[in-house]
C-alpha cells in the first residue's frame, strides 16, 4: 500500500530543470554573446475527471519560474533561442483532462553578454 502511494505521488505532478555546460566555440549565438550552457525545463501535471492535480502547467511557469532562473543561477545574462512546447488546453485535447496529463517544456541557451572591443 505504501509503495502504491509513492508511485502515485511521483506520477501526479513534477517539474525538472536540466543543464549542460557548453564550450564557447561549440554553439554560435550571435555577436557579443558567449554561450555557457543549454537549459531545459519541464513540468507535467496529471488530471483526474477534469480536476488538475497540482503542477501548474503553463508557459509562464516553465519559462519565467524555471528556465530563466536556472540560467541566471549559472551566471547567464540572457537566454537565447528559446523553444517552448505545451500540451494544448482546448479542442479535442480537453478530453485528455478526463484521465491524463498536460505538460510544458522550454529549452534555451544561457549566454553572457561580452563588451565590444
Protein backbone atom coordinates (compact mmCIF):
# COMPACT_ATOMS: atom_id res chain seq x y z
CA UNK A 1 0.00 0.00 0.00
CA UNK A 2 2.80 2.40 0.91
CA UNK A 3 4.65 1.80 -2.36
CA UNK A 4 1.44 2.46 -4.32
CA UNK A 5 1.14 5.87 -2.63
CA UNK A 6 4.76 6.70 -3.50
CA UNK A 7 4.23 5.73 -7.14
CA UNK A 8 1.01 7.77 -7.34
CA UNK A 9 2.71 10.82 -5.84
CA UNK A 10 5.58 10.50 -8.29
CA UNK A 11 3.28 10.29 -11.30
CA UNK A 12 0.95 13.11 -10.24
CA UNK A 13 2.91 16.29 -10.85
CA UNK A 14 6.55 17.05 -11.27
CA UNK A 15 8.94 19.60 -12.65
CA UNK A 16 12.59 19.37 -13.54
CA UNK A 17 15.42 21.52 -14.83
CA UNK A 18 18.42 20.05 -16.61
CA UNK A 19 21.54 21.94 -17.63
CA UNK A 20 24.70 21.15 -19.51
CA UNK A 21 27.74 23.41 -19.80
CA UNK A 22 28.96 24.00 -23.35
CA UNK A 23 32.23 25.19 -24.86
CA UNK A 24 32.43 28.73 -26.20
CA UNK A 25 33.05 27.65 -29.79
CA UNK A 26 30.53 24.80 -29.90
CA UNK A 27 27.40 26.94 -30.46
CA UNK A 28 27.03 30.21 -32.37
CA UNK A 29 24.61 32.58 -30.64
CA UNK A 30 25.39 35.93 -32.20
CA UNK A 31 27.77 38.84 -31.83
CA UNK A 32 28.86 39.90 -28.33
CA UNK A 33 27.25 36.81 -26.74
CA UNK A 34 29.14 33.89 -25.21
CA UNK A 35 27.19 30.65 -24.69
CA UNK A 36 27.73 28.99 -21.32
CA UNK A 37 25.03 26.29 -21.06
CA UNK A 38 21.93 24.74 -22.52
CA UNK A 39 18.99 24.74 -20.10
CA UNK A 40 15.89 22.54 -20.35
CA UNK A 41 12.86 22.88 -18.05
CA UNK A 42 9.80 20.64 -17.95
CA UNK A 43 6.55 20.47 -15.96
CA UNK A 44 3.97 17.70 -16.02
CA UNK A 45 0.64 17.61 -14.21
CA UNK A 46 -1.96 14.86 -14.05
CA UNK A 47 -5.72 15.28 -14.42
CA UNK A 48 -8.48 13.15 -12.97
CA UNK A 49 -12.06 13.83 -14.03
CA UNK A 50 -11.09 17.32 -15.32
CA UNK A 51 -9.54 18.25 -11.96
CA UNK A 52 -5.88 19.24 -12.23
CA UNK A 53 -3.62 17.69 -9.66
CA UNK A 54 -1.23 20.48 -8.63
CA UNK A 55 1.52 21.07 -11.12
CA UNK A 56 0.57 24.46 -12.53
CA UNK A 57 1.47 23.64 -16.12
CA UNK A 58 1.89 26.79 -18.16
CA UNK A 59 4.36 28.63 -20.36
CA UNK A 60 4.78 31.39 -17.77
CA UNK A 61 5.89 28.94 -15.12
CA UNK A 62 8.18 26.83 -17.32
CA UNK A 63 9.91 29.91 -18.82
CA UNK A 64 9.82 32.60 -16.12
CA UNK A 65 10.00 30.45 -12.98
CA UNK A 66 12.18 27.55 -14.11
CA UNK A 67 14.20 28.19 -17.29
CA UNK A 68 15.35 31.78 -16.77
CA UNK A 69 16.18 31.47 -13.03
CA UNK A 70 18.22 28.32 -13.75
CA UNK A 71 20.18 30.18 -16.43
CA UNK A 72 20.75 33.15 -14.10
CA UNK A 73 21.99 30.76 -11.38
CA UNK A 74 24.65 29.57 -13.84
CA UNK A 75 25.79 33.19 -14.35
CA UNK A 76 23.94 33.96 -17.58
CA UNK A 77 22.80 37.44 -18.52
CA UNK A 78 20.19 36.21 -21.00
CA UNK A 79 18.63 33.12 -22.53
CA UNK A 80 18.51 32.98 -26.34
CA UNK A 81 16.98 30.64 -28.89
CA UNK A 82 14.18 29.71 -26.50
CA UNK A 83 11.90 26.96 -27.76
CA UNK A 84 8.70 26.02 -25.97
CA UNK A 85 6.15 23.25 -26.24
CA UNK A 86 2.92 22.78 -24.31
CA UNK A 87 0.06 20.33 -24.47
CA UNK A 88 -2.94 22.29 -25.78
CA UNK A 89 -5.69 23.14 -23.31
CA UNK A 90 -8.65 23.25 -25.68
CA UNK A 91 -10.32 21.40 -28.55
CA UNK A 92 -10.05 17.63 -28.59
CA UNK A 93 -7.19 17.92 -26.07
CA UNK A 94 -9.79 18.74 -23.40
CA UNK A 95 -10.69 15.04 -23.30
CA UNK A 96 -7.19 14.33 -22.06
CA UNK A 97 -8.22 16.03 -18.80
CA UNK A 98 -10.67 13.21 -18.11
CA UNK A 99 -7.81 10.91 -17.13
CA UNK A 100 -4.49 12.07 -18.43
CA UNK A 101 -1.80 14.69 -18.17
CA UNK A 102 -0.61 18.00 -19.51
CA UNK A 103 3.00 19.08 -19.91
CA UNK A 104 5.06 22.11 -20.86
CA UNK A 105 8.73 22.38 -21.63
CA UNK A 106 11.20 25.07 -22.61
CA UNK A 107 14.79 24.92 -23.81
CA UNK A 108 17.25 27.74 -24.35
CA UNK A 109 20.90 28.69 -24.50
CA UNK A 110 22.20 30.60 -21.49
CA UNK A 111 24.57 33.37 -22.63
CA UNK A 112 26.80 36.04 -21.16
CA UNK A 113 26.97 39.44 -22.86
CA UNK A 114 30.52 40.46 -23.71
CA UNK A 115 31.72 44.00 -24.06
CA UNK A 116 32.60 45.17 -27.56
CA UNK A 117 36.24 45.92 -28.17
